[in-house]
Amino acid sequence: MSIYCITYDLRLKSSKHYQQLLNFIRKNYEVIQHQKSVLIVSSQYSAENIRKDLLHFIDDKDKLEVFEVNKSDVHKLVA
């Protein structure tokens, strides 16, 4: 399993849109840490595959980044 950081900024600030995205992430990935628009997740899938999954919730003007992080850095965050 790899560790990824997912960051997003949705143009439509509706809590419904944020909640749909967050619910999908929580359902499909192990969430290690959550901040308002930043999640650290564990997954067997690649960053590219995760990004493709999440694009269903993203509009053209929204921002989404998914990148792998070093496992030792994550332990520092959640300690």
N, C-alpha and C. Protein backbone atom coordinates (compact mmCIF):
# COMPACT_ATOMS: atom_id res chain seq x y z
N MET A 1 0.85 -1.18 0.00
CA MET A 1 0.00 0.00 0.00
C MET A 1 0.89 1.24 0.00
N SER A 2 0.45 2.22 -0.74
CA SER A 2 1.16 3.49 -0.80
C SER A 2 0.34 4.56 -0.09
N ILE A 3 1.02 5.64 0.25
CA ILE A 3 0.38 6.75 0.94
C ILE A 3 0.33 7.94 -0.03
N TYR A 4 -0.84 8.58 -0.09
CA TYR A 4 -1.04 9.70 -1.02
C TYR A 4 -1.63 10.89 -0.29
N CYS A 5 -1.32 12.06 -0.82
CA CYS A 5 -1.95 13.29 -0.37
C CYS A 5 -2.93 13.71 -1.46
N ILE A 6 -4.16 13.96 -1.05
CA ILE A 6 -5.19 14.45 -1.97
C ILE A 6 -5.54 15.86 -1.50
N THR A 7 -5.39 16.82 -2.40
CA THR A 7 -5.79 18.19 -2.09
C THR A 7 -6.80 18.64 -3.14
N TYR A 8 -7.78 19.41 -2.69
CA TYR A 8 -8.80 19.87 -3.64
C TYR A 8 -9.33 21.23 -3.23
N ASP A 9 -9.76 21.97 -4.22
CA ASP A 9 -10.40 23.27 -4.01
C ASP A 9 -11.53 23.35 -5.03
N LEU A 10 -12.76 23.24 -4.54
CA LEU A 10 -13.92 23.23 -5.42
C LEU A 10 -14.46 24.64 -5.60
N ARG A 11 -14.67 25.02 -6.83
CA ARG A 11 -15.18 26.35 -7.16
C ARG A 11 -16.55 26.57 -6.55
N LEU A 12 -17.41 25.58 -6.69
CA LEU A 12 -18.72 25.65 -6.06
C LEU A 12 -18.54 25.25 -4.60
N LYS A 13 -18.60 26.20 -3.73
CA LYS A 13 -18.29 25.96 -2.32
C LYS A 13 -19.41 25.29 -1.56
N SER A 14 -20.38 24.74 -2.28
CA SER A 14 -21.49 24.06 -1.64
C SER A 14 -20.98 22.90 -0.79
N SER A 15 -21.48 22.83 0.43
CA SER A 15 -21.07 21.74 1.30
C SER A 15 -21.49 20.39 0.72
N LYS A 16 -22.52 20.39 -0.12
CA LYS A 16 -22.97 19.16 -0.76
C LYS A 16 -21.88 18.60 -1.67
N HIS A 17 -21.24 19.46 -2.46
CA HIS A 17 -20.19 19.01 -3.36
C HIS A 17 -18.97 18.50 -2.59
N TYR A 18 -18.57 19.26 -1.58
CA TYR A 18 -17.46 18.81 -0.75
C TYR A 18 -17.80 17.48 -0.09
N GLN A 19 -19.02 17.36 0.41
CA GLN A 19 -19.42 16.15 1.11
C GLN A 19 -19.46 14.95 0.19
N GLN A 20 -19.90 15.13 -1.04
CA GLN A 20 -19.92 14.02 -2.00
C GLN A 20 -18.50 13.52 -2.27
N LEU A 21 -17.59 14.45 -2.48
CA LEU A 21 -16.20 14.08 -2.72
C LEU A 21 -15.61 13.40 -1.50
N LEU A 22 -15.81 13.97 -0.34
CA LEU A 22 -15.27 13.39 0.89
C LEU A 22 -15.87 12.01 1.17
N ASN A 23 -17.15 11.85 0.97
CA ASN A 23 -17.79 10.54 1.16
C ASN A 23 -17.20 9.49 0.24
N PHE A 24 -16.97 9.85 -1.02
CA PHE A 24 -16.37 8.91 -1.97
C PHE A 24 -14.98 8.50 -1.51
N ILE A 25 -14.18 9.48 -1.09
CA ILE A 25 -12.82 9.18 -0.64
C ILE A 25 -12.87 8.27 0.58
N ARG A 26 -13.70 8.59 1.55
CA ARG A 26 -13.79 7.76 2.76
C ARG A 26 -14.27 6.35 2.46
N LYS A 27 -15.14 6.21 1.49
CA LYS A 27 -15.68 4.90 1.14
C LYS A 27 -14.65 4.04 0.40
N ASN A 28 -13.79 4.67 -0.40
CA ASN A 28 -12.91 3.92 -1.28
C ASN A 28 -11.44 3.86 -0.88
N TYR A 29 -11.05 4.67 0.10
CA TYR A 29 -9.66 4.71 0.52
C TYR A 29 -9.60 4.79 2.04
N GLU A 30 -8.50 4.30 2.59
CA GLU A 30 -8.30 4.41 4.04
C GLU A 30 -7.77 5.81 4.34
N VAL A 31 -8.57 6.61 5.00
CA VAL A 31 -8.16 7.97 5.32
C VAL A 31 -7.33 7.96 6.60
N ILE A 32 -6.13 8.48 6.51
CA ILE A 32 -5.22 8.52 7.66
C ILE A 32 -5.36 9.84 8.40
N GLN A 33 -5.44 10.92 7.65
CA GLN A 33 -5.57 12.24 8.27
C GLN A 33 -6.41 13.12 7.36
N HIS A 34 -7.22 13.98 7.97
CA HIS A 34 -8.11 14.84 7.20
C HIS A 34 -8.04 16.27 7.71
N GLN A 35 -7.84 17.19 6.80
CA GLN A 35 -7.99 18.61 7.08
C GLN A 35 -9.04 19.11 6.12
N LYS A 36 -9.37 20.38 6.14
CA LYS A 36 -10.50 20.86 5.36
C LYS A 36 -10.48 20.38 3.91
N SER A 37 -9.41 20.61 3.19
CA SER A 37 -9.35 20.20 1.78
C SER A 37 -8.09 19.40 1.48
N VAL A 38 -7.56 18.74 2.50
CA VAL A 38 -6.35 17.92 2.36
C VAL A 38 -6.58 16.61 3.08
N LEU A 39 -6.35 15.52 2.37
CA LEU A 39 -6.47 14.20 2.99
C LEU A 39 -5.21 13.39 2.73
N ILE A 40 -4.81 12.63 3.71
CA ILE A 40 -3.74 11.65 3.55
C ILE A 40 -4.44 10.30 3.54
N VAL A 41 -4.23 9.53 2.46
CA VAL A 41 -4.92 8.25 2.33
C VAL A 41 -3.93 7.15 2.00
N SER A 42 -4.34 5.95 2.29
CA SER A 42 -3.59 4.75 1.95
C SER A 42 -4.38 4.01 0.87
N SER A 43 -3.67 3.56 -0.17
CA SER A 43 -4.36 2.86 -1.25
C SER A 43 -3.40 1.96 -2.00
N GLN A 44 -3.95 0.94 -2.61
CA GLN A 44 -3.17 0.06 -3.46
C GLN A 44 -3.07 0.62 -4.88
N TYR A 45 -3.87 1.63 -5.19
CA TYR A 45 -3.92 2.20 -6.52
C TYR A 45 -2.89 3.30 -6.69
N SER A 46 -2.59 3.65 -7.93
CA SER A 46 -1.63 4.71 -8.21
C SER A 46 -2.29 6.08 -8.04
N ALA A 47 -1.46 7.11 -7.94
CA ALA A 47 -1.97 8.48 -7.86
C ALA A 47 -2.81 8.80 -9.08
N GLU A 48 -2.39 8.34 -10.23
CA GLU A 48 -3.13 8.58 -11.47
C GLU A 48 -4.52 7.95 -11.42
N ASN A 49 -4.61 6.72 -10.92
CA ASN A 49 -5.92 6.05 -10.81
C ASN A 49 -6.83 6.75 -9.81
N ILE A 50 -6.27 7.19 -8.69
CA ILE A 50 -7.06 7.90 -7.70
C ILE A 50 -7.58 9.20 -8.30
N ARG A 51 -6.71 9.92 -8.99
CA ARG A 51 -7.11 11.18 -9.61
C ARG A 51 -8.25 10.96 -10.61
N LYS A 52 -8.14 9.91 -11.42
CA LYS A 52 -9.21 9.60 -12.39
C LYS A 52 -10.54 9.33 -11.68
N ASP A 53 -10.48 8.61 -10.57
CA ASP A 53 -11.71 8.35 -9.79
C ASP A 53 -12.35 9.63 -9.29
N LEU A 54 -11.52 10.55 -8.84
CA LEU A 54 -12.02 11.78 -8.22
C LEU A 54 -12.46 12.83 -9.23
N LEU A 55 -12.02 12.72 -10.46
CA LEU A 55 -12.38 13.70 -11.48
C LEU A 55 -13.89 13.74 -11.73
N HIS A 56 -14.61 12.70 -11.35
CA HIS A 56 -16.07 12.69 -11.50
C HIS A 56 -16.74 13.76 -10.63
N PHE A 57 -16.02 14.24 -9.61
CA PHE A 57 -16.57 15.21 -8.67
C PHE A 57 -16.03 16.63 -8.93
N ILE A 58 -15.21 16.77 -9.94
CA ILE A 58 -14.46 18.00 -10.17
C ILE A 58 -14.94 18.69 -11.44
N ASP A 59 -15.15 20.01 -11.35
CA ASP A 59 -15.49 20.82 -12.52
C ASP A 59 -14.21 21.38 -13.15
N ASP A 60 -14.36 21.99 -14.32
CA ASP A 60 -13.21 22.54 -15.04
C ASP A 60 -12.41 23.56 -14.25
N LYS A 61 -13.07 24.35 -13.45
CA LYS A 61 -12.39 25.41 -12.70
C LYS A 61 -11.96 24.97 -11.30
N ASP A 62 -12.28 23.75 -10.92
CA ASP A 62 -11.85 23.21 -9.63
C ASP A 62 -10.39 22.80 -9.71
N LYS A 63 -9.79 22.61 -8.55
CA LYS A 63 -8.40 22.17 -8.49
C LYS A 63 -8.33 20.86 -7.72
N LEU A 64 -7.53 19.95 -8.23
CA LEU A 64 -7.34 18.64 -7.60
C LEU A 64 -5.91 18.18 -7.83
N GLU A 65 -5.26 17.75 -6.77
CA GLU A 65 -3.92 17.18 -6.87
C GLU A 65 -3.88 15.90 -6.06
N VAL A 66 -3.21 14.91 -6.60
CA VAL A 66 -2.99 13.64 -5.90
C VAL A 66 -1.52 13.29 -6.10
N PHE A 67 -0.80 13.11 -5.00
CA PHE A 67 0.61 12.75 -5.13
C PHE A 67 1.03 11.84 -3.99
N GLU A 68 2.00 11.00 -4.29
CA GLU A 68 2.50 10.05 -3.30
C GLU A 68 3.38 10.78 -2.30
N VAL A 69 3.30 10.37 -1.05
CA VAL A 69 4.13 10.96 0.00
C VAL A 69 4.95 9.86 0.68
N ASN A 70 6.01 10.28 1.30
CA ASN A 70 6.91 9.37 1.98
C ASN A 70 6.25 8.86 3.26
N LYS A 71 6.22 7.56 3.45
CA LYS A 71 5.56 6.97 4.62
C LYS A 71 6.13 7.48 5.93
N SER A 72 7.43 7.71 6.00
CA SER A 72 8.02 8.19 7.26
C SER A 72 7.55 9.60 7.58
N ASP A 73 7.28 10.42 6.58
CA ASP A 73 6.76 11.77 6.82
C ASP A 73 5.34 11.71 7.36
N VAL A 74 4.54 10.76 6.91
CA VAL A 74 3.18 10.61 7.39
C VAL A 74 3.15 10.24 8.86
N HIS A 75 4.04 9.39 9.29
CA HIS A 75 4.10 9.00 10.71
C HIS A 75 4.35 10.22 11.58
N LYS A 76 5.12 11.17 11.09
CA LYS A 76 5.37 12.40 11.84
C LYS A 76 4.10 13.22 11.95
N LEU A 77 3.27 13.21 10.90
CA LEU A 77 2.04 14.00 10.90
C LEU A 77 1.00 13.47 11.87
N VAL A 78 0.85 12.16 11.97
CA VAL A 78 -0.22 11.59 12.77
C VAL A 78 0.23 11.21 14.18
N ALA A 79 1.47 11.44 14.47
CA ALA A 79 1.98 11.09 15.81
C ALA A 79 1.54 12.08 16.85
